[in-house]
Amino acid sequence: MSFPLNFYLAAFAGSLATVLLALPLWRAWCRRTGHVDDPGHRKIHDAPIALAGGLAVLTGVLAPLLVGALLLKLGIVSIASTALIVHGVDRRALELGVIALGAVAITVLGWLDDRVELSPPVKFTGQFLVALAVALVAKRITLFVPSEFFSYAITVLWIVTVINAFNFMDNMNGLCTGLGVIGALLFGLIAARDGEYLVALIAFLTAGALLGFLPCNFPKATAFLGDAGSHLVGYLLAVLAMLPHFYTKTNPHPLAVLSPLLVLAVPLMDLACMVVIRTRAGRPFWIGDTNHLSHRLVRSGLTRAQAVLAIWLLAAVIGALAFAL
């Protein structure tokens, strides 16, 4: 790992601190504008909770990224690897810009869903368009298949699937947020180990932002991610899973491309189970119920907090296997 470790730590700490500062402001704005989750069916809170998490996490990722890039570009901050970072940002400026705009767009889509409850076709169309923009400009999955159409199709399918997997996992306090922290940290460590410093920086920014929000979301929630937040977490993790070169000359093992599936195994498996269960029951798979893994663990005797901790541990153990590939 030739890139300075302190820079990764600065990215992580900067995003965490930004969320801690921004969250009270966003929470107050949400309460003032009525952007809250009211008590109701399948909900355990008895008072309105601000849907401020997504807005705070987006601020925590983008604000340090933009400020840091500007300071380095203007030469206000200088470190040993300044030239390397500036070169990387200049070379990937378009891709980074599209990824950042995609994060804003997917957050706005989720925010609209929180406000007016978009119909499934409208929501899926929005997710598709954001995913297509990333595939067109930023990055595509190939899986060694020499077909451009396949590359576009599998990339869009991947991003939309992961977005909805994390959206489905936002069913207990802290569950989606914690899984996002674990996934982002794992992708960051893998990218840092392989010298992919821009990918690692984005991953540590994401992990820091989510960790900054977590204390307000678990075990007792004073703010929720909302669909804006769960969409953003899914989008960021989907993109982070695509950016690293898992199959390289130094790691020429074809199974290395399965690493993202291990890191995101828990939300993906939960989504697959929900689709099967609801389809067999003759219900649309996007209609919520209490058959998620978290709900089943609670019915087995665990408290909600214990169920969330158990799922976090499972995700961390399975995700750590990605290093073996």
C-alpha atoms as a PDB file:
ATOM      1  CA  MET A   1       0.000   0.000   0.000  1.00  0.00           C
ATOM      2  CA  SER A   2       2.137   2.855  -1.328  1.00  0.00           C
ATOM      3  CA  PHE A   3      -0.555   5.537  -1.037  1.00  0.00           C
ATOM      4  CA  PRO A   4      -0.417   7.495   2.278  1.00  0.00           C
ATOM      5  CA  LEU A   5      -2.609   5.852   4.905  1.00  0.00           C
ATOM      6  CA  ASN A   6      -3.197   9.221   6.549  1.00  0.00           C
ATOM      7  CA  PHE A   7      -5.061  10.445   3.476  1.00  0.00           C
ATOM      8  CA  TYR A   8      -7.511   7.536   3.716  1.00  0.00           C
ATOM      9  CA  LEU A   9      -7.988   8.299   7.405  1.00  0.00           C
ATOM     10  CA  ALA A  10      -8.547  11.983   6.592  1.00  0.00           C
ATOM     11  CA  ALA A  11     -11.239  11.087   4.044  1.00  0.00           C
ATOM     12  CA  PHE A  12     -12.938   8.782   6.548  1.00  0.00           C
ATOM     13  CA  ALA A  13     -12.763  11.291   9.401  1.00  0.00           C
ATOM     14  CA  GLY A  14     -13.763  14.223   7.197  1.00  0.00           C
ATOM     15  CA  SER A  15     -16.945  12.567   5.967  1.00  0.00           C
ATOM     16  CA  LEU A  16     -17.822  11.373   9.468  1.00  0.00           C
ATOM     17  CA  ALA A  17     -17.382  14.875  10.908  1.00  0.00           C
ATOM     18  CA  THR A  18     -19.366  16.423   8.062  1.00  0.00           C
ATOM     19  CA  VAL A  19     -22.346  14.171   8.768  1.00  0.00           C
ATOM     20  CA  LEU A  20     -22.188  14.910  12.489  1.00  0.00           C
ATOM     21  CA  LEU A  21     -22.357  18.628  11.662  1.00  0.00           C
ATOM     22  CA  ALA A  22     -24.908  18.370   8.845  1.00  0.00           C
ATOM     23  CA  LEU A  23     -27.363  15.914  10.387  1.00  0.00           C
ATOM     24  CA  PRO A  24     -28.874  18.293  12.999  1.00  0.00           C
ATOM     25  CA  LEU A  25     -29.412  20.869  10.256  1.00  0.00           C
ATOM     26  CA  TRP A  26     -31.061  18.389   7.897  1.00  0.00           C
ATOM     27  CA  ARG A  27     -33.118  16.933  10.752  1.00  0.00           C
ATOM     28  CA  ALA A  28     -34.435  20.390  11.656  1.00  0.00           C
ATOM     29  CA  TRP A  29     -35.217  21.096   7.991  1.00  0.00           C
ATOM     30  CA  CYS A  30     -37.089  17.798   7.648  1.00  0.00           C
ATOM     31  CA  ARG A  31     -39.190  18.503  10.719  1.00  0.00           C
ATOM     32  CA  ARG A  32     -39.938  22.027   9.540  1.00  0.00           C
ATOM     33  CA  THR A  33     -41.025  20.860   6.075  1.00  0.00           C
ATOM     34  CA  GLY A  34     -42.900  17.780   7.274  1.00  0.00           C
ATOM     35  CA  HIS A  35     -40.421  15.366   5.698  1.00  0.00           C
ATOM     36  CA  VAL A  36     -40.904  12.765   8.422  1.00  0.00           C
ATOM     37  CA  ASP A  37     -41.944   9.147   8.816  1.00  0.00           C
ATOM     38  CA  ASP A  38     -45.209   9.045  10.718  1.00  0.00           C
ATOM     39  CA  PRO A  39     -46.207   6.155  13.005  1.00  0.00           C
ATOM     40  CA  GLY A  40     -48.335   3.511  11.339  1.00  0.00           C
ATOM     41  CA  HIS A  41     -48.707  -0.098  10.198  1.00  0.00           C
ATOM     42  CA  ARG A  42     -45.547  -2.261  10.651  1.00  0.00           C
ATOM     43  CA  LYS A  43     -43.788   0.636  12.414  1.00  0.00           C
ATOM     44  CA  ILE A  44     -42.564   0.604  16.000  1.00  0.00           C
ATOM     45  CA  HIS A  45     -42.027   4.342  16.557  1.00  0.00           C
ATOM     46  CA  ASP A  46     -44.842   6.312  18.179  1.00  0.00           C
ATOM     47  CA  ALA A  47     -43.747   9.789  17.051  1.00  0.00           C
ATOM     48  CA  PRO A  48     -42.724  11.281  13.680  1.00  0.00           C
ATOM     49  CA  ILE A  49     -39.056  10.649  12.805  1.00  0.00           C
ATOM     50  CA  ALA A  50     -37.141  12.931  10.427  1.00  0.00           C
ATOM     51  CA  LEU A  51     -36.123  11.320   7.136  1.00  0.00           C
ATOM     52  CA  ALA A  52     -32.796  13.154   7.222  1.00  0.00           C
ATOM     53  CA  GLY A  53     -30.322  10.293   6.832  1.00  0.00           C
ATOM     54  CA  GLY A  54     -30.036  10.246   3.064  1.00  0.00           C
ATOM     55  CA  LEU A  55     -29.530  13.989   2.813  1.00  0.00           C
ATOM     56  CA  ALA A  56     -26.908  13.945   5.582  1.00  0.00           C
ATOM     57  CA  VAL A  57     -25.000  11.002   4.081  1.00  0.00           C
ATOM     58  CA  LEU A  58     -25.018  12.601   0.624  1.00  0.00           C
ATOM     59  CA  THR A  59     -23.604  15.782   2.173  1.00  0.00           C
ATOM     60  CA  GLY A  60     -21.001  13.758   4.049  1.00  0.00           C
ATOM     61  CA  VAL A  61     -19.763  12.072   0.872  1.00  0.00           C
ATOM     62  CA  LEU A  62     -19.848  14.940  -1.609  1.00  0.00           C
ATOM     63  CA  ALA A  63     -18.800  17.917   0.526  1.00  0.00           C
ATOM     64  CA  PRO A  64     -15.390  16.526   1.637  1.00  0.00           C
ATOM     65  CA  LEU A  65     -14.811  15.122  -1.856  1.00  0.00           C
ATOM     66  CA  LEU A  66     -15.399  18.483  -3.528  1.00  0.00           C
ATOM     67  CA  VAL A  67     -13.511  20.510  -0.906  1.00  0.00           C
ATOM     68  CA  GLY A  68     -10.560  18.115  -0.911  1.00  0.00           C
ATOM     69  CA  ALA A  69     -10.321  18.058  -4.703  1.00  0.00           C
ATOM     70  CA  LEU A  70     -10.462  21.855  -4.842  1.00  0.00           C
ATOM     71  CA  LEU A  71      -7.777  22.330  -2.175  1.00  0.00           C
ATOM     72  CA  LEU A  72      -5.451  19.878  -3.898  1.00  0.00           C
ATOM     73  CA  LYS A  73      -6.103  21.311  -7.356  1.00  0.00           C
ATOM     74  CA  LEU A  74      -5.349  24.846  -6.188  1.00  0.00           C
ATOM     75  CA  GLY A  75      -2.249  23.689  -4.329  1.00  0.00           C
ATOM     76  CA  ILE A  76      -3.584  24.964  -0.993  1.00  0.00           C
ATOM     77  CA  VAL A  77      -2.951  21.549   0.537  1.00  0.00           C
ATOM     78  CA  SER A  78       0.117  19.595  -0.468  1.00  0.00           C
ATOM     79  CA  ILE A  79       1.099  16.070   0.485  1.00  0.00           C
ATOM     80  CA  ALA A  80       3.579  13.577  -0.875  1.00  0.00           C
ATOM     81  CA  SER A  81       1.014  12.132  -3.281  1.00  0.00           C
ATOM     82  CA  THR A  82      -0.634  15.404  -4.360  1.00  0.00           C
ATOM     83  CA  ALA A  83       0.516  15.060  -7.977  1.00  0.00           C
ATOM     84  CA  LEU A  84      -0.736  11.467  -8.090  1.00  0.00           C
ATOM     85  CA  ILE A  85      -4.179  12.433  -6.775  1.00  0.00           C
ATOM     86  CA  VAL A  86      -4.540  15.446  -9.062  1.00  0.00           C
ATOM     87  CA  HIS A  87      -3.528  13.317 -12.048  1.00  0.00           C
ATOM     88  CA  GLY A  88      -6.064  10.663 -11.106  1.00  0.00           C
ATOM     89  CA  VAL A  89      -8.869  13.187 -10.614  1.00  0.00           C
ATOM     90  CA  ASP A  90      -8.077  14.926 -13.906  1.00  0.00           C
ATOM     91  CA  ARG A  91      -7.987  11.621 -15.751  1.00  0.00           C
ATOM     92  CA  ARG A  92     -11.246  10.385 -14.224  1.00  0.00           C
ATOM     93  CA  ALA A  93     -13.027  13.728 -13.923  1.00  0.00           C
ATOM     94  CA  LEU A  94     -15.920  12.781 -16.215  1.00  0.00           C
ATOM     95  CA  GLU A  95     -16.457   9.413 -14.555  1.00  0.00           C
ATOM     96  CA  LEU A  96     -16.291  10.916 -11.070  1.00  0.00           C
ATOM     97  CA  GLY A  97     -18.683  13.675 -12.104  1.00  0.00           C
ATOM     98  CA  VAL A  98     -21.238  11.198 -13.449  1.00  0.00           C
ATOM     99  CA  ILE A  99     -20.968   9.050 -10.325  1.00  0.00           C
ATOM    100  CA  ALA A 100     -21.481  12.128  -8.117  1.00  0.00           C
ATOM    101  CA  LEU A 101     -24.446  13.341 -10.189  1.00  0.00           C
ATOM    102  CA  GLY A 102     -25.858   9.819 -10.068  1.00  0.00           C
ATOM    103  CA  ALA A 103     -25.651   9.927  -6.266  1.00  0.00           C
ATOM    104  CA  VAL A 104     -27.579  13.204  -6.246  1.00  0.00           C
ATOM    105  CA  ALA A 105     -30.156  11.893  -8.733  1.00  0.00           C
ATOM    106  CA  ILE A 106     -30.802   8.636  -6.868  1.00  0.00           C
ATOM    107  CA  THR A 107     -31.147  10.549  -3.587  1.00  0.00           C
ATOM    108  CA  VAL A 108     -33.667  12.921  -5.177  1.00  0.00           C
ATOM    109  CA  LEU A 109     -35.580   9.923  -6.550  1.00  0.00           C
ATOM    110  CA  GLY A 110     -35.741   8.367  -3.079  1.00  0.00           C
ATOM    111  CA  TRP A 111     -36.693  11.731  -1.565  1.00  0.00           C
ATOM    112  CA  LEU A 112     -39.607  12.012  -3.992  1.00  0.00           C
ATOM    113  CA  ASP A 113     -40.657   8.477  -3.084  1.00  0.00           C
ATOM    114  CA  ASP A 114     -40.591   9.436   0.592  1.00  0.00           C
ATOM    115  CA  ARG A 115     -42.713  12.505  -0.146  1.00  0.00           C
ATOM    116  CA  VAL A 116     -45.350  11.222  -2.575  1.00  0.00           C
ATOM    117  CA  GLU A 117     -44.783   7.425  -2.755  1.00  0.00           C
ATOM    118  CA  LEU A 118     -43.898   6.966  -6.404  1.00  0.00           C
ATOM    119  CA  SER A 119     -45.471   4.098  -8.312  1.00  0.00           C
ATOM    120  CA  PRO A 120     -43.155   1.100  -8.894  1.00  0.00           C
ATOM    121  CA  PRO A 121     -42.862   1.754 -12.678  1.00  0.00           C
ATOM    122  CA  VAL A 122     -41.818   5.367 -12.064  1.00  0.00           C
ATOM    123  CA  LYS A 123     -39.317   4.370  -9.381  1.00  0.00           C
ATOM    124  CA  PHE A 124     -37.795   1.570 -11.459  1.00  0.00           C
ATOM    125  CA  THR A 125     -37.554   3.893 -14.463  1.00  0.00           C
ATOM    126  CA  GLY A 126     -35.627   6.425 -12.385  1.00  0.00           C
ATOM    127  CA  GLN A 127     -33.284   3.733 -11.100  1.00  0.00           C
ATOM    128  CA  PHE A 128     -32.791   2.445 -14.646  1.00  0.00           C
ATOM    129  CA  LEU A 129     -31.881   5.886 -16.001  1.00  0.00           C
ATOM    130  CA  VAL A 130     -29.324   6.528 -13.246  1.00  0.00           C
ATOM    131  CA  ALA A 131     -27.794   3.077 -13.776  1.00  0.00           C
ATOM    132  CA  LEU A 132     -27.690   3.596 -17.545  1.00  0.00           C
ATOM    133  CA  ALA A 133     -25.864   6.925 -17.124  1.00  0.00           C
ATOM    134  CA  VAL A 134     -23.177   5.189 -15.054  1.00  0.00           C
ATOM    135  CA  ALA A 135     -22.890   2.400 -17.627  1.00  0.00           C
ATOM    136  CA  LEU A 136     -22.625   4.865 -20.519  1.00  0.00           C
ATOM    137  CA  VAL A 137     -19.949   7.102 -19.024  1.00  0.00           C
ATOM    138  CA  ALA A 138     -18.350   5.728 -15.877  1.00  0.00           C
ATOM    139  CA  LYS A 139     -17.867   1.974 -15.687  1.00  0.00           C
ATOM    140  CA  ARG A 140     -19.293  -1.276 -17.018  1.00  0.00           C
ATOM    141  CA  ILE A 141     -19.177  -4.905 -15.934  1.00  0.00           C
ATOM    142  CA  THR A 142     -17.951  -7.399 -18.545  1.00  0.00           C
ATOM    143  CA  LEU A 143     -17.583 -10.789 -16.772  1.00  0.00           C
ATOM    144  CA  PHE A 144     -15.234 -11.762 -19.630  1.00  0.00           C
ATOM    145  CA  VAL A 145     -18.152 -11.761 -22.101  1.00  0.00           C
ATOM    146  CA  PRO A 146     -17.148 -10.025 -25.373  1.00  0.00           C
ATOM    147  CA  SER A 147     -20.505  -8.353 -25.940  1.00  0.00           C
ATOM    148  CA  GLU A 148     -21.170  -4.638 -25.544  1.00  0.00           C
ATOM    149  CA  PHE A 149     -24.907  -5.213 -25.169  1.00  0.00           C
ATOM    150  CA  PHE A 150     -24.297  -7.753 -22.397  1.00  0.00           C
ATOM    151  CA  SER A 151     -21.973  -5.308 -20.660  1.00  0.00           C
ATOM    152  CA  TYR A 152     -24.585  -2.561 -20.615  1.00  0.00           C
ATOM    153  CA  ALA A 153     -27.386  -4.938 -19.598  1.00  0.00           C
ATOM    154  CA  ILE A 154     -25.524  -6.612 -16.728  1.00  0.00           C
ATOM    155  CA  THR A 155     -24.255  -3.260 -15.413  1.00  0.00           C
ATOM    156  CA  VAL A 156     -27.729  -1.711 -15.315  1.00  0.00           C
ATOM    157  CA  LEU A 157     -29.186  -4.887 -13.813  1.00  0.00           C
ATOM    158  CA  TRP A 158     -26.466  -4.941 -11.142  1.00  0.00           C
ATOM    159  CA  ILE A 159     -26.943  -1.329 -10.060  1.00  0.00           C
ATOM    160  CA  VAL A 160     -30.756  -1.568  -9.958  1.00  0.00           C
ATOM    161  CA  THR A 161     -30.578  -4.876  -8.066  1.00  0.00           C
ATOM    162  CA  VAL A 162     -28.195  -3.598  -5.384  1.00  0.00           C
ATOM    163  CA  ILE A 163     -30.194  -0.384  -4.939  1.00  0.00           C
ATOM    164  CA  ASN A 164     -33.330  -2.399  -4.262  1.00  0.00           C
ATOM    165  CA  ALA A 165     -31.481  -4.926  -2.094  1.00  0.00           C
ATOM    166  CA  PHE A 166     -30.441  -2.155   0.304  1.00  0.00           C
ATOM    167  CA  ASN A 167     -33.873  -0.569   0.050  1.00  0.00           C
ATOM    168  CA  PHE A 168     -35.352  -3.885   1.199  1.00  0.00           C
ATOM    169  CA  MET A 169     -32.823  -4.114   4.056  1.00  0.00           C
ATOM    170  CA  ASP A 170     -33.969  -0.799   5.503  1.00  0.00           C
ATOM    171  CA  ASN A 171     -36.509  -2.569   7.716  1.00  0.00           C
ATOM    172  CA  MET A 172     -34.971  -2.199  11.193  1.00  0.00           C
ATOM    173  CA  ASN A 173     -33.070   0.567  12.937  1.00  0.00           C
ATOM    174  CA  GLY A 174     -29.460   0.653  11.777  1.00  0.00           C
ATOM    175  CA  LEU A 175     -29.619  -2.447   9.579  1.00  0.00           C
ATOM    176  CA  CYS A 176     -29.156  -0.837   6.157  1.00  0.00           C
ATOM    177  CA  THR A 177     -26.749   1.788   7.530  1.00  0.00           C
ATOM    178  CA  GLY A 178     -24.530  -0.790   9.242  1.00  0.00           C
ATOM    179  CA  LEU A 179     -24.447  -3.062   6.197  1.00  0.00           C
ATOM    180  CA  GLY A 180     -23.401  -0.029   4.166  1.00  0.00           C
ATOM    181  CA  VAL A 181     -20.543   0.715   6.576  1.00  0.00           C
ATOM    182  CA  ILE A 182     -19.321  -2.878   6.409  1.00  0.00           C
ATOM    183  CA  GLY A 183     -19.541  -3.078   2.623  1.00  0.00           C
ATOM    184  CA  ALA A 184     -17.850   0.289   2.057  1.00  0.00           C
ATOM    185  CA  LEU A 185     -15.010  -0.543   4.473  1.00  0.00           C
ATOM    186  CA  LEU A 186     -14.384  -3.883   2.776  1.00  0.00           C
ATOM    187  CA  PHE A 187     -14.335  -2.341  -0.699  1.00  0.00           C
ATOM    188  CA  GLY A 188     -12.075   0.427   0.603  1.00  0.00           C
ATOM    189  CA  LEU A 189      -9.596  -2.019   2.114  1.00  0.00           C
ATOM    190  CA  ILE A 190      -9.539  -4.155  -1.038  1.00  0.00           C
ATOM    191  CA  ALA A 191      -8.985  -1.113  -3.255  1.00  0.00           C
ATOM    192  CA  ALA A 192      -6.306   0.328  -0.932  1.00  0.00           C
ATOM    193  CA  ARG A 193      -4.474  -2.991  -0.842  1.00  0.00           C
ATOM    194  CA  ASP A 194      -4.413  -3.075  -4.653  1.00  0.00           C
ATOM    195  CA  GLY A 195      -3.302   0.555  -4.991  1.00  0.00           C
ATOM    196  CA  GLU A 196      -6.603   1.846  -6.441  1.00  0.00           C
ATOM    197  CA  TYR A 197      -6.503   5.009  -4.362  1.00  0.00           C
ATOM    198  CA  LEU A 198      -9.428   6.907  -5.923  1.00  0.00           C
ATOM    199  CA  VAL A 199     -11.747   3.951  -5.388  1.00  0.00           C
ATOM    200  CA  ALA A 200     -10.490   3.559  -1.839  1.00  0.00           C
ATOM    201  CA  LEU A 201     -11.045   7.252  -1.105  1.00  0.00           C
ATOM    202  CA  ILE A 202     -14.661   7.084  -2.308  1.00  0.00           C
ATOM    203  CA  ALA A 203     -15.195   3.937  -0.250  1.00  0.00           C
ATOM    204  CA  PHE A 204     -13.769   5.474   2.940  1.00  0.00           C
ATOM    205  CA  LEU A 205     -15.806   8.647   2.379  1.00  0.00           C
ATOM    206  CA  THR A 206     -18.917   6.466   2.130  1.00  0.00           C
ATOM    207  CA  ALA A 207     -18.020   4.422   5.212  1.00  0.00           C
ATOM    208  CA  GLY A 208     -17.270   7.546   7.276  1.00  0.00           C
ATOM    209  CA  ALA A 209     -20.512   9.248   6.262  1.00  0.00           C
ATOM    210  CA  LEU A 210     -22.604   6.204   7.132  1.00  0.00           C
ATOM    211  CA  LEU A 211     -20.781   5.657  10.417  1.00  0.00           C
ATOM    212  CA  GLY A 212     -21.413   9.299  11.318  1.00  0.00           C
ATOM    213  CA  PHE A 213     -25.128   8.716  10.821  1.00  0.00           C
ATOM    214  CA  LEU A 214     -25.291   5.328  12.576  1.00  0.00           C
ATOM    215  CA  PRO A 215     -25.508   6.562  16.226  1.00  0.00           C
ATOM    216  CA  CYS A 216     -28.680   8.480  15.303  1.00  0.00           C
ATOM    217  CA  ASN A 217     -30.142   5.382  13.667  1.00  0.00           C
ATOM    218  CA  PHE A 218     -29.236   2.560  16.070  1.00  0.00           C
ATOM    219  CA  PRO A 219     -30.350   1.198  18.444  1.00  0.00           C
ATOM    220  CA  LYS A 220     -32.915   3.956  18.950  1.00  0.00           C
ATOM    221  CA  ALA A 221     -33.562   6.125  15.912  1.00  0.00           C
ATOM    222  CA  THR A 222     -33.768   9.898  16.005  1.00  0.00           C
ATOM    223  CA  ALA A 223     -33.489   9.995  12.208  1.00  0.00           C
ATOM    224  CA  PHE A 224     -34.182   7.517   9.413  1.00  0.00           C
ATOM    225  CA  LEU A 225     -32.439   6.943   6.110  1.00  0.00           C
ATOM    226  CA  GLY A 226     -35.736   6.943   4.279  1.00  0.00           C
ATOM    227  CA  ASP A 227     -35.923   5.774   0.676  1.00  0.00           C
ATOM    228  CA  ALA A 228     -33.553   8.635  -0.193  1.00  0.00           C
ATOM    229  CA  GLY A 229     -30.916   7.155   2.098  1.00  0.00           C
ATOM    230  CA  SER A 230     -31.433   3.480   1.292  1.00  0.00           C
ATOM    231  CA  HIS A 231     -31.354   4.273  -2.447  1.00  0.00           C
ATOM    232  CA  LEU A 232     -28.135   6.234  -1.955  1.00  0.00           C
ATOM    233  CA  VAL A 233     -26.477   3.479   0.085  1.00  0.00           C
ATOM    234  CA  GLY A 234     -27.410   0.858  -2.505  1.00  0.00           C
ATOM    235  CA  TYR A 235     -26.197   3.038  -5.369  1.00  0.00           C
ATOM    236  CA  LEU A 236     -22.852   3.813  -3.723  1.00  0.00           C
ATOM    237  CA  LEU A 237     -22.216   0.161  -2.842  1.00  0.00           C
ATOM    238  CA  ALA A 238     -23.196  -0.970  -6.348  1.00  0.00           C
ATOM    239  CA  VAL A 239     -20.730   1.490  -7.884  1.00  0.00           C
ATOM    240  CA  LEU A 240     -17.992   0.631  -5.382  1.00  0.00           C
ATOM    241  CA  ALA A 241     -18.427  -3.027  -6.328  1.00  0.00           C
ATOM    242  CA  MET A 242     -17.810  -2.167  -9.989  1.00  0.00           C
ATOM    243  CA  LEU A 243     -14.865   0.225  -9.740  1.00  0.00           C
ATOM    244  CA  PRO A 244     -12.004  -1.987  -8.447  1.00  0.00           C
ATOM    245  CA  HIS A 245     -10.125  -4.310 -10.800  1.00  0.00           C
ATOM    246  CA  PHE A 246     -10.583  -7.516  -8.818  1.00  0.00           C
ATOM    247  CA  TYR A 247      -9.058  -9.574 -11.644  1.00  0.00           C
ATOM    248  CA  THR A 248      -5.545  -8.238 -12.277  1.00  0.00           C
ATOM    249  CA  LYS A 249      -2.107  -9.408 -13.392  1.00  0.00           C
ATOM    250  CA  THR A 250      -1.090  -9.731  -9.754  1.00  0.00           C
ATOM    251  CA  ASN A 251      -4.323 -11.561  -8.933  1.00  0.00           C
ATOM    252  CA  PRO A 252      -5.189 -13.474 -12.126  1.00  0.00           C
ATOM    253  CA  HIS A 253      -7.807 -15.704 -10.504  1.00  0.00           C
ATOM    254  CA  PRO A 254     -11.102 -15.665 -12.443  1.00  0.00           C
ATOM    255  CA  LEU A 255     -13.083 -16.204  -9.227  1.00  0.00           C
ATOM    256  CA  ALA A 256     -11.830 -12.841  -7.972  1.00  0.00           C
ATOM    257  CA  VAL A 257     -14.729 -11.226  -9.847  1.00  0.00           C
ATOM    258  CA  LEU A 258     -17.030 -12.896  -7.302  1.00  0.00           C
ATOM    259  CA  SER A 259     -15.632 -10.694  -4.517  1.00  0.00           C
ATOM    260  CA  PRO A 260     -18.473  -8.120  -4.766  1.00  0.00           C
ATOM    261  CA  LEU A 261     -21.031 -10.919  -4.393  1.00  0.00           C
ATOM    262  CA  LEU A 262     -19.388 -11.944  -1.126  1.00  0.00           C
ATOM    263  CA  VAL A 263     -19.188  -8.386   0.209  1.00  0.00           C
ATOM    264  CA  LEU A 264     -22.879  -7.812  -0.596  1.00  0.00           C
ATOM    265  CA  ALA A 265     -24.051 -11.387  -0.017  1.00  0.00           C
ATOM    266  CA  VAL A 266     -26.466 -10.656   2.836  1.00  0.00           C
ATOM    267  CA  PRO A 267     -28.591  -7.943   1.182  1.00  0.00           C
ATOM    268  CA  LEU A 268     -28.546  -9.803  -2.145  1.00  0.00           C
ATOM    269  CA  MET A 269     -29.644 -13.096  -0.560  1.00  0.00           C
ATOM    270  CA  ASP A 270     -32.379 -11.351   1.406  1.00  0.00           C
ATOM    271  CA  LEU A 271     -33.661  -9.695  -1.777  1.00  0.00           C
ATOM    272  CA  ALA A 272     -33.660 -13.008  -3.658  1.00  0.00           C
ATOM    273  CA  CYS A 273     -35.576 -14.730  -0.846  1.00  0.00           C
ATOM    274  CA  MET A 274     -38.150 -11.940  -0.703  1.00  0.00           C
ATOM    275  CA  VAL A 275     -38.753 -12.091  -4.450  1.00  0.00           C
ATOM    276  CA  VAL A 276     -39.275 -15.860  -4.301  1.00  0.00           C
ATOM    277  CA  ILE A 277     -41.497 -15.796  -1.202  1.00  0.00           C
ATOM    278  CA  ARG A 278     -43.724 -12.979  -2.439  1.00  0.00           C
ATOM    279  CA  THR A 279     -43.975 -14.355  -5.976  1.00  0.00           C
ATOM    280  CA  ARG A 280     -45.009 -17.770  -4.674  1.00  0.00           C
ATOM    281  CA  ALA A 281     -47.621 -16.091  -2.497  1.00  0.00           C
ATOM    282  CA  GLY A 282     -48.998 -14.322  -5.553  1.00  0.00           C
ATOM    283  CA  ARG A 283     -47.992 -10.847  -4.344  1.00  0.00           C
ATOM    284  CA  PRO A 284     -45.895  -8.199  -6.102  1.00  0.00           C
ATOM    285  CA  PHE A 285     -42.326  -8.523  -4.819  1.00  0.00           C
ATOM    286  CA  TRP A 286     -42.113  -4.800  -4.079  1.00  0.00           C
ATOM    287  CA  ILE A 287     -44.947  -4.898  -1.509  1.00  0.00           C
ATOM    288  CA  GLY A 288     -43.376  -5.028   1.966  1.00  0.00           C
ATOM    289  CA  ASP A 289     -43.987  -7.703   4.596  1.00  0.00           C
ATOM    290  CA  THR A 290     -42.295  -9.184   7.654  1.00  0.00           C
ATOM    291  CA  ASN A 291     -40.539 -12.159   6.078  1.00  0.00           C
ATOM    292  CA  HIS A 292     -37.071 -10.577   5.897  1.00  0.00           C
ATOM    293  CA  LEU A 293     -34.156 -12.282   7.639  1.00  0.00           C
ATOM    294  CA  SER A 294     -34.255  -9.634  10.366  1.00  0.00           C
ATOM    295  CA  HIS A 295     -37.927 -10.328  11.100  1.00  0.00           C
ATOM    296  CA  ARG A 296     -37.345 -14.080  11.175  1.00  0.00           C
ATOM    297  CA  LEU A 297     -34.521 -13.645  13.687  1.00  0.00           C
ATOM    298  CA  VAL A 298     -36.811 -11.575  15.908  1.00  0.00           C
ATOM    299  CA  ARG A 299     -39.510 -14.252  15.703  1.00  0.00           C
ATOM    300  CA  SER A 300     -36.865 -16.809  16.727  1.00  0.00           C
ATOM    301  CA  GLY A 301     -36.384 -14.954  20.018  1.00  0.00           C
ATOM    302  CA  LEU A 302     -33.806 -12.233  19.384  1.00  0.00           C
ATOM    303  CA  THR A 303     -34.473  -8.607  20.149  1.00  0.00           C
ATOM    304  CA  ARG A 304     -34.443  -6.206  17.216  1.00  0.00           C
ATOM    305  CA  ALA A 305     -31.030  -4.881  18.201  1.00  0.00           C
ATOM    306  CA  GLN A 306     -29.655  -8.411  18.537  1.00  0.00           C
ATOM    307  CA  ALA A 307     -31.055  -9.361  15.126  1.00  0.00           C
ATOM    308  CA  VAL A 308     -29.354  -6.358  13.530  1.00  0.00           C
ATOM    309  CA  LEU A 309     -26.042  -7.144  15.242  1.00  0.00           C
ATOM    310  CA  ALA A 310     -26.269 -10.780  14.114  1.00  0.00           C
ATOM    311  CA  ILE A 311     -26.823  -9.743  10.493  1.00  0.00           C
ATOM    312  CA  TRP A 312     -23.949  -7.256  10.664  1.00  0.00           C
ATOM    313  CA  LEU A 313     -21.667 -10.033  11.938  1.00  0.00           C
ATOM    314  CA  LEU A 314     -22.821 -12.404   9.201  1.00  0.00           C
ATOM    315  CA  ALA A 315     -22.175  -9.765   6.535  1.00  0.00           C
ATOM    316  CA  ALA A 316     -18.706  -9.005   7.930  1.00  0.00           C
ATOM    317  CA  VAL A 317     -17.694 -12.684   8.053  1.00  0.00           C
ATOM    318  CA  ILE A 318     -18.907 -13.498   4.534  1.00  0.00           C
ATOM    319  CA  GLY A 319     -17.551 -10.246   3.145  1.00  0.00           C
ATOM    320  CA  ALA A 320     -14.128 -10.858   4.657  1.00  0.00           C
ATOM    321  CA  LEU A 321     -13.857 -13.952   2.459  1.00  0.00           C
ATOM    322  CA  ALA A 322     -13.501 -11.577  -0.482  1.00  0.00           C
ATOM    323  CA  PHE A 323      -9.899 -11.022   0.592  1.00  0.00           C
ATOM    324  CA  ALA A 324      -9.214 -14.709  -0.019  1.00  0.00           C
ATOM    325  CA  LEU A 325     -10.134 -14.210  -3.679  1.00  0.00           C
END
